Structures are given as C-alpha cells and as structure tokens.
Amino acid sequence: MSGGYIRGGKALVSIALVFGMFEKAHGADPILDDVRCVVVGMHMSTLNTPQQRDAGTVLSIYYLGRLDGHLAQTDVEQLIEKEAGKMTPEDLRTEAVRCGKALSDKGQEIARISAALAGKWETSTTTK
C-alpha cells in the first residue's frame, strides 16, 4: 500500500517537471497568482501531447483546490474568465514556469512525507 503513495508522489514530481525548474517572482496577489496557474493548466490541458494535457490537468486541479478554500465557486469562475482574457502567449509561458516550479516543490514535499509514512506503515504491519 505504501508503495502506491511513493509512486504517486514521484509521478506528481515528474508531471510538474514538464513546466520547468526556474521560478519567476510571485505577484503581489496570491489569489491572482493561483488563478493564473489555473488558466495555464486549462490551456495546457488542450495541447496535443498526452503529457502536456495530463500536466495541465494536474496543475488545474491543484490550483483550483487552493482557490476553493478562499473563494466562492462563482467568484473563481469569473476570475478565471477575466484573467484568461488578459493573458498573452508569453504570459502563459512565463506563468507555466512559475506554477510548475511551485507544483514540483509540493510534489517533492509529498514524496518526502510519503516515504516517511511508508517506513511507519511497514513497521506497524510487521509488529502486528
């Protein structure tokens, strides 16, 4: 059971690496930063390669989850539509790097936690 969590964490890191490893400075508004990441993810989910589509879906789900904790669904939808209308192809590329780096960092954190839990789970199953 614990191996699935570790593999899942590694898969998340792998998907996030599609976005690149260099981070752009965050804007002054963390909500808007997250909205822009959702837009990037939605854009990527329409691209040709399955790897890009999958990475876009993961990015969208992650950042929508972050926004769900702060805003009503109608507010999120309106912000996404508004921001999508403003973003240029260059914005999409630049934000993909920033958003991907943040997701990659979170994936690495999940992998570390999963590895620590796997050790605890293995110990608890062998002692019973």
C-alpha atoms as a PDB file:
ATOM      1  CA  MET A   1       0.000   0.000   0.000  1.00  0.00           C
ATOM      2  CA  SER A   2       2.728   2.476   0.874  1.00  0.00           C
ATOM      3  CA  GLY A   3       4.481   1.882  -2.462  1.00  0.00           C
ATOM      4  CA  GLY A   4       1.486   3.401  -4.258  1.00  0.00           C
ATOM      5  CA  TYR A   5       1.835   6.600  -2.300  1.00  0.00           C
ATOM      6  CA  ILE A   6       5.527   6.839  -3.096  1.00  0.00           C
ATOM      7  CA  ARG A   7       4.977   6.106  -6.791  1.00  0.00           C
ATOM      8  CA  GLY A   8       2.156   8.679  -6.829  1.00  0.00           C
ATOM      9  CA  GLY A   9       4.420  11.312  -5.272  1.00  0.00           C
ATOM     10  CA  LYS A  10       7.147  10.592  -7.792  1.00  0.00           C
ATOM     11  CA  ALA A  11       4.607  10.784 -10.629  1.00  0.00           C
ATOM     12  CA  LEU A  12       3.454  14.186  -9.392  1.00  0.00           C
ATOM     13  CA  VAL A  13       7.036  15.413  -9.355  1.00  0.00           C
ATOM     14  CA  SER A  14       7.581  14.047 -12.866  1.00  0.00           C
ATOM     15  CA  ILE A  15       4.485  15.767 -14.207  1.00  0.00           C
ATOM     16  CA  ALA A  16       5.458  19.036 -12.552  1.00  0.00           C
ATOM     17  CA  LEU A  17       8.888  18.911 -14.187  1.00  0.00           C
ATOM     18  CA  VAL A  18       7.179  19.451 -17.559  1.00  0.00           C
ATOM     19  CA  PHE A  19       6.802  23.067 -16.510  1.00  0.00           C
ATOM     20  CA  GLY A  20      10.492  23.803 -15.910  1.00  0.00           C
ATOM     21  CA  MET A  21      12.660  24.441 -12.905  1.00  0.00           C
ATOM     22  CA  PHE A  22      13.073  28.215 -12.750  1.00  0.00           C
ATOM     23  CA  GLU A  23      10.815  30.412 -10.705  1.00  0.00           C
ATOM     24  CA  LYS A  24       9.585  33.879 -11.589  1.00  0.00           C
ATOM     25  CA  ALA A  25       8.872  36.282  -8.755  1.00  0.00           C
ATOM     26  CA  HIS A  26       5.336  35.981  -7.455  1.00  0.00           C
ATOM     27  CA  GLY A  27       2.918  38.840  -7.902  1.00  0.00           C
ATOM     28  CA  ALA A  28       1.528  40.870  -5.056  1.00  0.00           C
ATOM     29  CA  ASP A  29      -1.780  38.938  -5.038  1.00  0.00           C
ATOM     30  CA  PRO A  30      -1.535  35.223  -4.177  1.00  0.00           C
ATOM     31  CA  ILE A  31      -5.164  34.634  -5.244  1.00  0.00           C
ATOM     32  CA  LEU A  32      -4.468  36.121  -8.673  1.00  0.00           C
ATOM     33  CA  ASP A  33      -1.261  34.063  -8.897  1.00  0.00           C
ATOM     34  CA  ASP A  34      -3.321  30.909  -8.303  1.00  0.00           C
ATOM     35  CA  VAL A  35      -5.938  31.985 -10.853  1.00  0.00           C
ATOM     36  CA  ARG A  36      -3.214  32.485 -13.441  1.00  0.00           C
ATOM     37  CA  CYS A  37      -1.925  28.971 -12.702  1.00  0.00           C
ATOM     38  CA  VAL A  38      -5.418  27.556 -13.285  1.00  0.00           C
ATOM     39  CA  VAL A  39      -5.540  29.367 -16.631  1.00  0.00           C
ATOM     40  CA  VAL A  40      -2.145  27.897 -17.576  1.00  0.00           C
ATOM     41  CA  GLY A  41      -3.290  24.426 -16.572  1.00  0.00           C
ATOM     42  CA  MET A  42      -6.524  24.718 -18.535  1.00  0.00           C
ATOM     43  CA  HIS A  43      -4.590  25.930 -21.556  1.00  0.00           C
ATOM     44  CA  MET A  44      -2.143  23.040 -21.270  1.00  0.00           C
ATOM     45  CA  SER A  45      -4.990  20.536 -20.991  1.00  0.00           C
ATOM     46  CA  THR A  46      -5.957  21.470 -24.569  1.00  0.00           C
ATOM     47  CA  LEU A  47      -2.496  20.853 -26.067  1.00  0.00           C
ATOM     48  CA  ASN A  48      -1.567  17.980 -28.372  1.00  0.00           C
ATOM     49  CA  THR A  49       0.604  15.670 -26.303  1.00  0.00           C
ATOM     50  CA  PRO A  50      -0.836  13.481 -23.546  1.00  0.00           C
ATOM     51  CA  GLN A  51       1.998  14.525 -21.221  1.00  0.00           C
ATOM     52  CA  GLN A  52       1.091  18.212 -21.639  1.00  0.00           C
ATOM     53  CA  ARG A  53      -2.614  17.503 -21.197  1.00  0.00           C
ATOM     54  CA  ASP A  54      -2.001  15.417 -18.073  1.00  0.00           C
ATOM     55  CA  ALA A  55       0.307  18.041 -16.593  1.00  0.00           C
ATOM     56  CA  GLY A  56      -2.274  20.729 -17.334  1.00  0.00           C
ATOM     57  CA  THR A  57      -4.997  18.727 -15.637  1.00  0.00           C
ATOM     58  CA  VAL A  58      -2.876  18.171 -12.515  1.00  0.00           C
ATOM     59  CA  LEU A  59      -1.952  21.857 -12.413  1.00  0.00           C
ATOM     60  CA  SER A  60      -5.597  22.932 -12.779  1.00  0.00           C
ATOM     61  CA  ILE A  61      -6.823  20.566 -10.078  1.00  0.00           C
ATOM     62  CA  TYR A  62      -4.119  21.621  -7.628  1.00  0.00           C
ATOM     63  CA  TYR A  63      -4.681  25.353  -8.036  1.00  0.00           C
ATOM     64  CA  LEU A  64      -8.487  25.078  -8.161  1.00  0.00           C
ATOM     65  CA  GLY A  65      -8.255  23.274  -4.835  1.00  0.00           C
ATOM     66  CA  ARG A  66      -6.213  26.116  -3.415  1.00  0.00           C
ATOM     67  CA  LEU A  67      -8.763  28.659  -4.640  1.00  0.00           C
ATOM     68  CA  ASP A  68     -11.732  26.656  -3.332  1.00  0.00           C
ATOM     69  CA  GLY A  69     -10.523  27.301   0.189  1.00  0.00           C
ATOM     70  CA  HIS A  70     -10.621  31.068  -0.313  1.00  0.00           C
ATOM     71  CA  LEU A  71     -13.393  31.985  -2.750  1.00  0.00           C
ATOM     72  CA  ALA A  72     -16.920  31.028  -3.775  1.00  0.00           C
ATOM     73  CA  GLN A  73     -17.131  28.936  -6.959  1.00  0.00           C
ATOM     74  CA  THR A  74     -18.783  31.738  -8.951  1.00  0.00           C
ATOM     75  CA  ASP A  75     -16.002  34.126  -7.936  1.00  0.00           C
ATOM     76  CA  VAL A  76     -13.372  31.610  -9.054  1.00  0.00           C
ATOM     77  CA  GLU A  77     -15.047  31.104 -12.423  1.00  0.00           C
ATOM     78  CA  GLN A  78     -15.325  34.845 -13.005  1.00  0.00           C
ATOM     79  CA  LEU A  79     -11.700  35.441 -12.051  1.00  0.00           C
ATOM     80  CA  ILE A  80     -10.540  32.640 -14.351  1.00  0.00           C
ATOM     81  CA  GLU A  81     -12.516  34.003 -17.282  1.00  0.00           C
ATOM     82  CA  LYS A  82     -11.307  37.555 -16.661  1.00  0.00           C
ATOM     83  CA  GLU A  83      -7.655  36.563 -16.268  1.00  0.00           C
ATOM     84  CA  ALA A  84      -7.720  34.175 -19.244  1.00  0.00           C
ATOM     85  CA  GLY A  85      -8.854  37.067 -21.427  1.00  0.00           C
ATOM     86  CA  LYS A  86      -5.865  39.152 -20.360  1.00  0.00           C
ATOM     87  CA  MET A  87      -3.079  36.581 -20.609  1.00  0.00           C
ATOM     88  CA  THR A  88      -0.838  36.611 -23.662  1.00  0.00           C
ATOM     89  CA  PRO A  89       1.070  33.586 -25.009  1.00  0.00           C
ATOM     90  CA  GLU A  90       4.171  34.990 -23.302  1.00  0.00           C
ATOM     91  CA  ASP A  91       2.251  35.253 -20.006  1.00  0.00           C
ATOM     92  CA  LEU A  92       1.226  31.613 -20.371  1.00  0.00           C
ATOM     93  CA  ARG A  93       4.841  30.527 -20.894  1.00  0.00           C
ATOM     94  CA  THR A  94       6.189  32.625 -18.027  1.00  0.00           C
ATOM     95  CA  GLU A  95       3.461  31.574 -15.621  1.00  0.00           C
ATOM     96  CA  ALA A  96       3.855  27.906 -16.616  1.00  0.00           C
ATOM     97  CA  VAL A  97       7.407  28.030 -15.311  1.00  0.00           C
ATOM     98  CA  ARG A  98       6.392  29.666 -12.017  1.00  0.00           C
ATOM     99  CA  CYS A  99       3.362  27.459 -11.457  1.00  0.00           C
ATOM    100  CA  GLY A 100       5.229  24.319 -12.433  1.00  0.00           C
ATOM    101  CA  LYS A 101       8.050  25.085 -10.025  1.00  0.00           C
ATOM    102  CA  ALA A 102       5.602  25.559  -7.168  1.00  0.00           C
ATOM    103  CA  LEU A 103       3.840  22.301  -8.041  1.00  0.00           C
ATOM    104  CA  SER A 104       7.155  20.493  -8.345  1.00  0.00           C
ATOM    105  CA  ASP A 105       8.149  21.733  -4.886  1.00  0.00           C
ATOM    106  CA  LYS A 106       4.839  20.468  -3.492  1.00  0.00           C
ATOM    107  CA  GLY A 107       5.343  17.120  -5.243  1.00  0.00           C
ATOM    108  CA  GLN A 108       8.758  16.759  -3.628  1.00  0.00           C
ATOM    109  CA  GLU A 109       7.224  17.530  -0.245  1.00  0.00           C
ATOM    110  CA  ILE A 110       4.555  14.868  -0.821  1.00  0.00           C
ATOM    111  CA  ALA A 111       7.223  12.342  -1.835  1.00  0.00           C
ATOM    112  CA  ARG A 112       9.220  13.056   1.368  1.00  0.00           C
ATOM    113  CA  ILE A 113       6.142  12.711   3.569  1.00  0.00           C
ATOM    114  CA  SER A 114       5.047   9.535   1.762  1.00  0.00           C
ATOM    115  CA  ALA A 115       8.477   7.987   2.242  1.00  0.00           C
ATOM    116  CA  ALA A 116       8.387   8.785   5.967  1.00  0.00           C
ATOM    117  CA  LEU A 117       4.885   7.340   6.295  1.00  0.00           C
ATOM    118  CA  ALA A 118       5.840   4.238   4.330  1.00  0.00           C
ATOM    119  CA  GLY A 119       8.513   3.476   6.922  1.00  0.00           C
ATOM    120  CA  LYS A 120       5.983   3.867   9.719  1.00  0.00           C
ATOM    121  CA  TRP A 121       3.404   1.715   7.921  1.00  0.00           C
ATOM    122  CA  GLU A 122       5.951  -1.017   7.264  1.00  0.00           C
ATOM    123  CA  THR A 123       6.969  -1.022  10.930  1.00  0.00           C
ATOM    124  CA  SER A 124       3.361  -1.166  12.136  1.00  0.00           C
ATOM    125  CA  THR A 125       2.439  -4.069   9.819  1.00  0.00           C
ATOM    126  CA  THR A 126       5.486  -6.143  10.770  1.00  0.00           C
ATOM    127  CA  THR A 127       4.933  -5.727  14.513  1.00  0.00           C
ATOM    128  CA  LYS A 128       1.299  -6.932  14.495  1.00  0.00           C
END
